[in-house]
PDB file of N, CA and C in Angstrom:
ATOM      1  N   UNK A   1     143.984  80.177 123.479  1.00  0.00           N
ATOM      2  CA  UNK A   1     144.272  78.802 123.136  1.00  0.00           C
ATOM      3  C   UNK A   1     144.981  78.135 124.310  1.00  0.00           C
ATOM      4  N   UNK A   2     144.545  76.960 124.644  1.00  0.00           N
ATOM      5  CA  UNK A   2     145.152  76.230 125.753  1.00  0.00           C
ATOM      6  C   UNK A   2     146.393  75.483 125.296  1.00  0.00           C
ATOM      7  N   UNK A   3     147.351  75.430 126.147  1.00  0.00           N
ATOM      8  CA  UNK A   3     148.543  74.629 125.914  1.00  0.00           C
ATOM      9  C   UNK A   3     148.793  73.846 127.190  1.00  0.00           C
ATOM     10  N   UNK A   4     149.664  72.830 127.152  1.00  0.00           N
ATOM     11  CA  UNK A   4     149.916  72.072 128.379  1.00  0.00           C
ATOM     12  C   UNK A   4     150.319  72.965 129.552  1.00  0.00           C
ATOM     13  N   UNK A   5     151.029  74.060 129.288  1.00  0.00           N
ATOM     14  CA  UNK A   5     151.447  74.953 130.362  1.00  0.00           C
ATOM     15  C   UNK A   5     150.279  75.794 130.875  1.00  0.00           C
ATOM     16  N   UNK A   6     149.223  75.930 130.066  1.00  0.00           N
ATOM     17  CA  UNK A   6     148.075  76.757 130.419  1.00  0.00           C
ATOM     18  C   UNK A   6     146.818  75.895 130.349  1.00  0.00           C
ATOM     19  N   UNK A   7     146.792  74.795 131.102  1.00  0.00           N
ATOM     20  CA  UNK A   7     145.696  73.832 131.059  1.00  0.00           C
ATOM     21  C   UNK A   7     144.432  74.406 131.690  1.00  0.00           C
ATOM     22  N   UNK A   8     143.307  74.251 131.020  1.00  0.00           N
ATOM     23  CA  UNK A   8     142.005  74.686 131.517  1.00  0.00           C
ATOM     24  C   UNK A   8     141.337  73.488 132.192  1.00  0.00           C
ATOM     25  N   UNK A   9     141.137  73.507 133.515  1.00  0.00           N
ATOM     26  CA  UNK A   9     140.566  72.357 134.214  1.00  0.00           C
ATOM     27  C   UNK A   9     139.134  72.034 133.796  1.00  0.00           C
ATOM     28  N   UNK A  10     138.441  72.966 133.143  1.00  0.00           N
ATOM     29  CA  UNK A  10     137.078  72.684 132.693  1.00  0.00           C
ATOM     30  C   UNK A  10     137.067  71.784 131.462  1.00  0.00           C
ATOM     31  N   UNK A  11     138.225  71.610 130.819  1.00  0.00           N
ATOM     32  CA  UNK A  11     138.349  70.713 129.674  1.00  0.00           C
ATOM     33  C   UNK A  11     139.066  69.454 130.140  1.00  0.00           C
ATOM     34  N   UNK A  12     138.334  68.353 130.335  1.00  0.00           N
ATOM     35  CA  UNK A  12     138.966  67.173 130.919  1.00  0.00           C
ATOM     36  C   UNK A  12     140.136  66.621 130.108  1.00  0.00           C
ATOM     37  N   UNK A  13     140.128  66.802 128.793  1.00  0.00           N
ATOM     38  CA  UNK A  13     141.217  66.291 127.971  1.00  0.00           C
ATOM     39  C   UNK A  13     142.173  67.390 127.543  1.00  0.00           C
ATOM     40  N   UNK A  14     141.948  68.607 128.006  1.00  0.00           N
ATOM     41  CA  UNK A  14     142.765  69.716 127.548  1.00  0.00           C
ATOM     42  C   UNK A  14     142.462  69.990 126.081  1.00  0.00           C
ATOM     43  N   UNK A  15     143.429  70.411 125.352  1.00  0.00           N
ATOM     44  CA  UNK A  15     143.267  70.660 123.924  1.00  0.00           C
ATOM     45  C   UNK A  15     143.484  69.350 123.189  1.00  0.00           C
ATOM     46  N   UNK A  16     142.498  68.939 122.408  1.00  0.00           N
ATOM     47  CA  UNK A  16     142.602  67.655 121.713  1.00  0.00           C
ATOM     48  C   UNK A  16     142.973  67.804 120.247  1.00  0.00           C
ATOM     49  N   UNK A  17     143.158  69.016 119.794  1.00  0.00           N
ATOM     50  CA  UNK A  17     143.533  69.223 118.395  1.00  0.00           C
ATOM     51  C   UNK A  17     143.658  70.695 118.089  1.00  0.00           C
ATOM     52  N   UNK A  18     144.066  70.962 116.888  1.00  0.00           N
ATOM     53  CA  UNK A  18     144.259  72.332 116.445  1.00  0.00           C
ATOM     54  C   UNK A  18     142.930  72.974 116.061  1.00  0.00           C
ATOM     55  N   UNK A  19     142.716  74.192 116.550  1.00  0.00           N
ATOM     56  CA  UNK A  19     141.531  74.941 116.163  1.00  0.00           C
ATOM     57  C   UNK A  19     141.599  75.332 114.691  1.00  0.00           C
ATOM     58  N   UNK A  20     142.771  75.228 114.088  1.00  0.00           N
ATOM     59  CA  UNK A  20     142.962  75.591 112.689  1.00  0.00           C
ATOM     60  C   UNK A  20     142.117  74.776 111.725  1.00  0.00           C
ATOM     61  N   UNK A  21     141.708  73.573 112.154  1.00  0.00           N
ATOM     62  CA  UNK A  21     140.892  72.739 111.276  1.00  0.00           C
ATOM     63  C   UNK A  21     139.499  73.326 111.063  1.00  0.00           C
ATOM     64  N   UNK A  22     139.083  74.260 111.905  1.00  0.00           N
ATOM     65  CA  UNK A  22     137.759  74.879 111.770  1.00  0.00           C
ATOM     66  C   UNK A  22     137.789  76.192 111.006  1.00  0.00           C
ATOM     67  N   UNK A  23     138.957  76.715 110.717  1.00  0.00           N
ATOM     68  CA  UNK A  23     139.067  78.043 110.116  1.00  0.00           C
ATOM     69  C   UNK A  23     138.398  78.111 108.746  1.00  0.00           C
ATOM     70  N   UNK A  24     138.679  77.171 107.865  1.00  0.00           N
ATOM     71  CA  UNK A  24     138.118  77.226 106.502  1.00  0.00           C
ATOM     72  C   UNK A  24     136.599  77.186 106.531  1.00  0.00           C
ATOM     73  N   UNK A  25     136.035  76.308 107.328  1.00  0.00           N
ATOM     74  CA  UNK A  25     134.583  76.191 107.419  1.00  0.00           C
ATOM     75  C   UNK A  25     133.988  77.479 107.971  1.00  0.00           C
ATOM     76  N   UNK A  26     134.622  78.047 108.986  1.00  0.00           N
ATOM     77  CA  UNK A  26     134.124  79.289 109.580  1.00  0.00           C
ATOM     78  C   UNK A  26     134.185  80.448 108.595  1.00  0.00           C
ATOM     79  N   UNK A  27     135.296  80.554 107.873  1.00  0.00           N
ATOM     80  CA  UNK A  27     135.436  81.642 106.904  1.00  0.00           C
ATOM     81  C   UNK A  27     134.447  81.516 105.747  1.00  0.00           C
ATOM     82  N   UNK A  28     134.190  80.282 105.323  1.00  0.00           N
ATOM     83  CA  UNK A  28     133.257  80.064 104.220  1.00  0.00           C
ATOM     84  C   UNK A  28     131.794  80.204 104.655  1.00  0.00           C
ATOM     85  N   UNK A  29     131.535  80.066 105.941  1.00  0.00           N
ATOM     86  CA  UNK A  29     130.170  80.160 106.440  1.00  0.00           C
ATOM     87  C   UNK A  29     129.305  78.985 106.022  1.00  0.00           C
ATOM     88  N   UNK A  30     129.925  77.824 105.855  1.00  0.00           N
ATOM     89  CA  UNK A  30     129.182  76.635 105.433  1.00  0.00           C
ATOM     90  C   UNK A  30     128.890  75.764 106.650  1.00  0.00           C
ATOM     91  N   UNK A  31     127.844  74.942 106.560  1.00  0.00           N
ATOM     92  CA  UNK A  31     127.513  74.092 107.700  1.00  0.00           C
ATOM     93  C   UNK A  31     128.503  72.941 107.858  1.00  0.00           C
ATOM     94  N   UNK A  32     128.761  72.580 109.102  1.00  0.00           N
ATOM     95  CA  UNK A  32     129.643  71.461 109.403  1.00  0.00           C
ATOM     96  C   UNK A  32     129.142  70.767 110.662  1.00  0.00           C
ATOM     97  N   UNK A  33     129.212  69.456 110.659  1.00  0.00           N
ATOM     98  CA  UNK A  33     128.815  68.651 111.816  1.00  0.00           C
ATOM     99  C   UNK A  33     129.949  67.688 112.114  1.00  0.00           C
ATOM    100  N   UNK A  34     130.359  67.637 113.368  1.00  0.00           N
ATOM    101  CA  UNK A  34     131.382  66.675 113.788  1.00  0.00           C
ATOM    102  C   UNK A  34     130.698  65.487 114.442  1.00  0.00           C
ATOM    103  N   UNK A  35     131.037  64.307 113.968  1.00  0.00           N
ATOM    104  CA  UNK A  35     130.448  63.069 114.469  1.00  0.00           C
ATOM    105  C   UNK A  35     131.505  62.288 115.237  1.00  0.00           C
ATOM    106  N   UNK A  36     131.250  61.946 116.488  1.00  0.00           N
ATOM    107  CA  UNK A  36     132.241  61.214 117.291  1.00  0.00           C
ATOM    108  C   UNK A  36     132.228  59.724 116.967  1.00  0.00           C
ATOM    109  N   UNK A  37     132.795  59.351 115.825  1.00  0.00           N
ATOM    110  CA  UNK A  37     132.742  57.965 115.368  1.00  0.00           C
ATOM    111  C   UNK A  37     134.041  57.203 115.547  1.00  0.00           C
ATOM    112  N   UNK A  38     135.072  57.860 116.015  1.00  0.00           N
ATOM    113  CA  UNK A  38     136.359  57.198 116.214  1.00  0.00           C
ATOM    114  C   UNK A  38     136.853  57.459 117.629  1.00  0.00           C
ATOM    115  N   UNK A  39     137.643  56.532 118.117  1.00  0.00           N
ATOM    116  CA  UNK A  39     138.317  56.705 119.391  1.00  0.00           C
ATOM    117  C   UNK A  39     139.691  56.055 119.263  1.00  0.00           C
ATOM    118  N   UNK A  40     140.727  56.814 119.565  1.00  0.00           N
ATOM    119  CA  UNK A  40     142.092  56.291 119.512  1.00  0.00           C
ATOM    120  C   UNK A  40     142.685  56.404 120.909  1.00  0.00           C
ATOM    121  N   UNK A  41     143.028  55.264 121.476  1.00  0.00           N
ATOM    122  CA  UNK A  41     143.573  55.206 122.830  1.00  0.00           C
ATOM    123  C   UNK A  41     142.705  55.975 123.831  1.00  0.00           C
ATOM    124  N   UNK A  42     141.385  55.846 123.682  1.00  0.00           N
ATOM    125  CA  UNK A  42     140.454  56.477 124.609  1.00  0.00           C
ATOM    126  C   UNK A  42     140.132  57.924 124.321  1.00  0.00           C
ATOM    127  N   UNK A  43     140.790  58.509 123.332  1.00  0.00           N
ATOM    128  CA  UNK A  43     140.523  59.913 122.992  1.00  0.00           C
ATOM    129  C   UNK A  43     139.559  59.973 121.806  1.00  0.00           C
ATOM    130  N   UNK A  44     138.531  60.807 121.900  1.00  0.00           N
ATOM    131  CA  UNK A  44     137.576  60.898 120.794  1.00  0.00           C
ATOM    132  C   UNK A  44     138.189  61.583 119.577  1.00  0.00           C
ATOM    133  N   UNK A  45     137.829  61.088 118.416  1.00  0.00           N
ATOM    134  CA  UNK A  45     138.257  61.686 117.149  1.00  0.00           C
ATOM    135  C   UNK A  45     136.996  61.859 116.317  1.00  0.00           C
ATOM    136  N   UNK A  46     136.739  63.071 115.867  1.00  0.00           N
ATOM    137  CA  UNK A  46     135.521  63.339 115.122  1.00  0.00           C
ATOM    138  C   UNK A  46     135.709  63.207 113.623  1.00  0.00           C
ATOM    139  N   UNK A  47     134.635  62.788 112.973  1.00  0.00           N
ATOM    140  CA  UNK A  47     134.544  62.811 111.519  1.00  0.00           C
ATOM    141  C   UNK A  47     133.717  64.043 111.190  1.00  0.00           C
ATOM    142  N   UNK A  48     134.210  64.907 110.342  1.00  0.00           N
ATOM    143  CA  UNK A  48     133.488  66.139 110.054  1.00  0.00           C
ATOM    144  C   UNK A  48     132.805  66.056 108.699  1.00  0.00           C
ATOM    145  N   UNK A  49     131.505  66.328 108.712  1.00  0.00           N
ATOM    146  CA  UNK A  49     130.708  66.388 107.488  1.00  0.00           C
ATOM    147  C   UNK A  49     130.519  67.864 107.176  1.00  0.00           C
ATOM    148  N   UNK A  50     130.951  68.273 105.993  1.00  0.00           N
ATOM    149  CA  UNK A  50     130.892  69.678 105.593  1.00  0.00           C
ATOM    150  C   UNK A  50     130.011  69.793 104.366  1.00  0.00           C
ATOM    151  N   UNK A  51     129.110  70.774 104.374  1.00  0.00           N
ATOM    152  CA  UNK A  51     128.199  70.953 103.253  1.00  0.00           C
ATOM    153  C   UNK A  51     128.408  72.281 102.554  1.00  0.00           C
ATOM    154  N   UNK A  52     127.555  72.529 101.598  1.00  0.00           N
ATOM    155  CA  UNK A  52     127.581  73.800 100.887  1.00  0.00           C
ATOM    156  C   UNK A  52     126.704  74.808 101.627  1.00  0.00           C
ATOM    157  N   UNK A  53     126.905  76.069 101.322  1.00  0.00           N
ATOM    158  CA  UNK A  53     126.143  77.125 101.963  1.00  0.00           C
ATOM    159  C   UNK A  53     124.636  76.861 101.812  1.00  0.00           C
ATOM    160  N   UNK A  54     123.909  77.045 102.889  1.00  0.00           N
ATOM    161  CA  UNK A  54     122.447  76.881 102.951  1.00  0.00           C
ATOM    162  C   UNK A  54     122.006  75.432 102.760  1.00  0.00           C
ATOM    163  N   UNK A  55     122.889  74.483 103.014  1.00  0.00           N
ATOM    164  CA  UNK A  55     122.545  73.064 102.895  1.00  0.00           C
ATOM    165  C   UNK A  55     122.550  72.376 104.262  1.00  0.00           C
ATOM    166  N   UNK A  56     122.185  73.114 105.300  1.00  0.00           N
ATOM    167  CA  UNK A  56     122.194  72.587 106.662  1.00  0.00           C
ATOM    168  C   UNK A  56     121.334  71.325 106.794  1.00  0.00           C
ATOM    169  N   UNK A  57     120.137  71.369 106.269  1.00  0.00           N
ATOM    170  CA  UNK A  57     119.238  70.227 106.388  1.00  0.00           C
ATOM    171  C   UNK A  57     119.816  69.005 105.679  1.00  0.00           C
ATOM    172  N   UNK A  58     120.417  69.216 104.522  1.00  0.00           N
ATOM    173  CA  UNK A  58     120.991  68.118 103.748  1.00  0.00           C
ATOM    174  C   UNK A  58     122.123  67.422 104.505  1.00  0.00           C
ATOM    175  N   UNK A  59     123.067  68.206 105.073  1.00  0.00           N
ATOM    176  CA  UNK A  59     124.150  67.544 105.796  1.00  0.00           C
ATOM    177  C   UNK A  59     123.660  66.958 107.117  1.00  0.00           C
ATOM    178  N   UNK A  60     122.587  67.507 107.653  1.00  0.00           N
ATOM    179  CA  UNK A  60     121.991  66.902 108.852  1.00  0.00           C
ATOM    180  C   UNK A  60     121.455  65.517 108.538  1.00  0.00           C
ATOM    181  N   UNK A  61     120.805  65.374 107.389  1.00  0.00           N
ATOM    182  CA  UNK A  61     120.285  64.061 106.986  1.00  0.00           C
ATOM    183  C   UNK A  61     121.428  63.092 106.685  1.00  0.00           C
ATOM    184  N   UNK A  62     122.465  63.567 106.006  1.00  0.00           N
ATOM    185  CA  UNK A  62     123.627  62.715 105.714  1.00  0.00           C
ATOM    186  C   UNK A  62     124.282  62.273 107.020  1.00  0.00           C
ATOM    187  N   UNK A  63     124.445  63.202 107.947  1.00  0.00           N
ATOM    188  CA  UNK A  63     125.063  62.879 109.227  1.00  0.00           C
ATOM    189  C   UNK A  63     124.224  61.866 110.003  1.00  0.00           C
ATOM    190  N   UNK A  64     122.912  62.027 109.981  1.00  0.00           N
ATOM    191  CA  UNK A  64     122.048  61.076 110.670  1.00  0.00           C
ATOM    192  C   UNK A  64     122.164  59.697 110.034  1.00  0.00           C
ATOM    193  N   UNK A  65     122.251  59.634 108.704  1.00  0.00           N
ATOM    194  CA  UNK A  65     122.407  58.350 108.016  1.00  0.00           C
ATOM    195  C   UNK A  65     123.726  57.692 108.449  1.00  0.00           C
ATOM    196  N   UNK A  66     124.802  58.469 108.480  1.00  0.00           N
ATOM    197  CA  UNK A  66     126.105  57.930 108.880  1.00  0.00           C
ATOM    198  C   UNK A  66     126.033  57.361 110.294  1.00  0.00           C
ATOM    199  N   UNK A  67     125.457  58.115 111.229  1.00  0.00           N
ATOM    200  CA  UNK A  67     125.357  57.658 112.616  1.00  0.00           C
ATOM    201  C   UNK A  67     124.521  56.382 112.710  1.00  0.00           C
ATOM    202  N   UNK A  68     123.466  56.273 111.905  1.00  0.00           N
ATOM    203  CA  UNK A  68     122.589  55.100 111.946  1.00  0.00           C
ATOM    204  C   UNK A  68     123.187  53.869 111.269  1.00  0.00           C
ATOM    205  N   UNK A  69     124.112  54.056 110.329  1.00  0.00           N
ATOM    206  CA  UNK A  69     124.612  52.928 109.533  1.00  0.00           C
ATOM    207  C   UNK A  69     126.093  52.582 109.710  1.00  0.00           C
ATOM    208  N   UNK A  70     126.855  53.450 110.341  1.00  0.00           N
ATOM    209  CA  UNK A  70     128.284  53.222 110.532  1.00  0.00           C
ATOM    210  C   UNK A  70     128.562  53.029 112.012  1.00  0.00           C
ATOM    211  N   UNK A  71     129.119  51.892 112.381  1.00  0.00           N
ATOM    212  CA  UNK A  71     129.458  51.647 113.785  1.00  0.00           C
ATOM    213  C   UNK A  71     130.717  52.415 114.158  1.00  0.00           C
ATOM    214  N   UNK A  72     130.739  52.960 115.386  1.00  0.00           N
ATOM    215  CA  UNK A  72     131.962  53.638 115.848  1.00  0.00           C
ATOM    216  C   UNK A  72     133.147  52.676 115.890  1.00  0.00           C
ATOM    217  N   UNK A  73     134.337  53.197 115.688  1.00  0.00           N
ATOM    218  CA  UNK A  73     135.564  52.407 115.670  1.00  0.00           C
ATOM    219  C   UNK A  73     136.448  52.844 116.829  1.00  0.00           C
ATOM    220  N   UNK A  74     136.968  51.867 117.563  1.00  0.00           N
ATOM    221  CA  UNK A  74     137.907  52.136 118.645  1.00  0.00           C
ATOM    222  C   UNK A  74     139.241  51.501 118.300  1.00  0.00           C
ATOM    223  N   UNK A  75     140.304  52.293 118.361  1.00  0.00           N
ATOM    224  CA  UNK A  75     141.647  51.806 118.079  1.00  0.00           C
ATOM    225  C   UNK A  75     142.461  51.948 119.359  1.00  0.00           C
ATOM    226  N   UNK A  76     143.078  50.864 119.789  1.00  0.00           N
ATOM    227  CA  UNK A  76     143.874  50.905 121.010  1.00  0.00           C
ATOM    228  C   UNK A  76     142.993  50.868 122.253  1.00  0.00           C
ATOM    229  N   UNK A  77     143.616  50.728 123.355  1.00  0.00           N
ATOM    230  CA  UNK A  77     142.909  50.668 124.640  1.00  0.00           C
ATOM    231  C   UNK A  77     143.368  51.815 125.525  1.00  0.00           C
ATOM    232  N   UNK A  78     142.425  52.476 126.212  1.00  0.00           N
ATOM    233  CA  UNK A  78     142.854  53.523 127.143  1.00  0.00           C
ATOM    234  C   UNK A  78     143.654  52.914 128.294  1.00  0.00           C
ATOM    235  N   UNK A  79     144.578  53.705 128.783  1.00  0.00           N
ATOM    236  CA  UNK A  79     145.312  53.258 129.965  1.00  0.00           C
ATOM    237  C   UNK A  79     146.677  52.903 129.621  1.00  0.00           C
TER     238      UNK A  79
END
C-alpha cells in the first residue's frame, strides 16, 4: 500500500482512496464497475455499480445507461 512517505511515481495522483472499499465486493465475488462521473478539485471520484453474482451483463447495461444519461459533475477547480 502506498503512503505519502512511500510514493509510487507510476501513480500520478498517488493513493486516491482506501483499498478497503473493494474488500466486500472482492470477498463476495460479485461484479462491480467504477464509473468516473465525479471530479472534486481535479481529482477523479468513481461511482461504483455493484451487482449480484453472475449478473455481469446486467450491471454492464446499467453502467452503460448511466454513462449515456448522466452528465459528469465537477466540484471545485483544480489548482
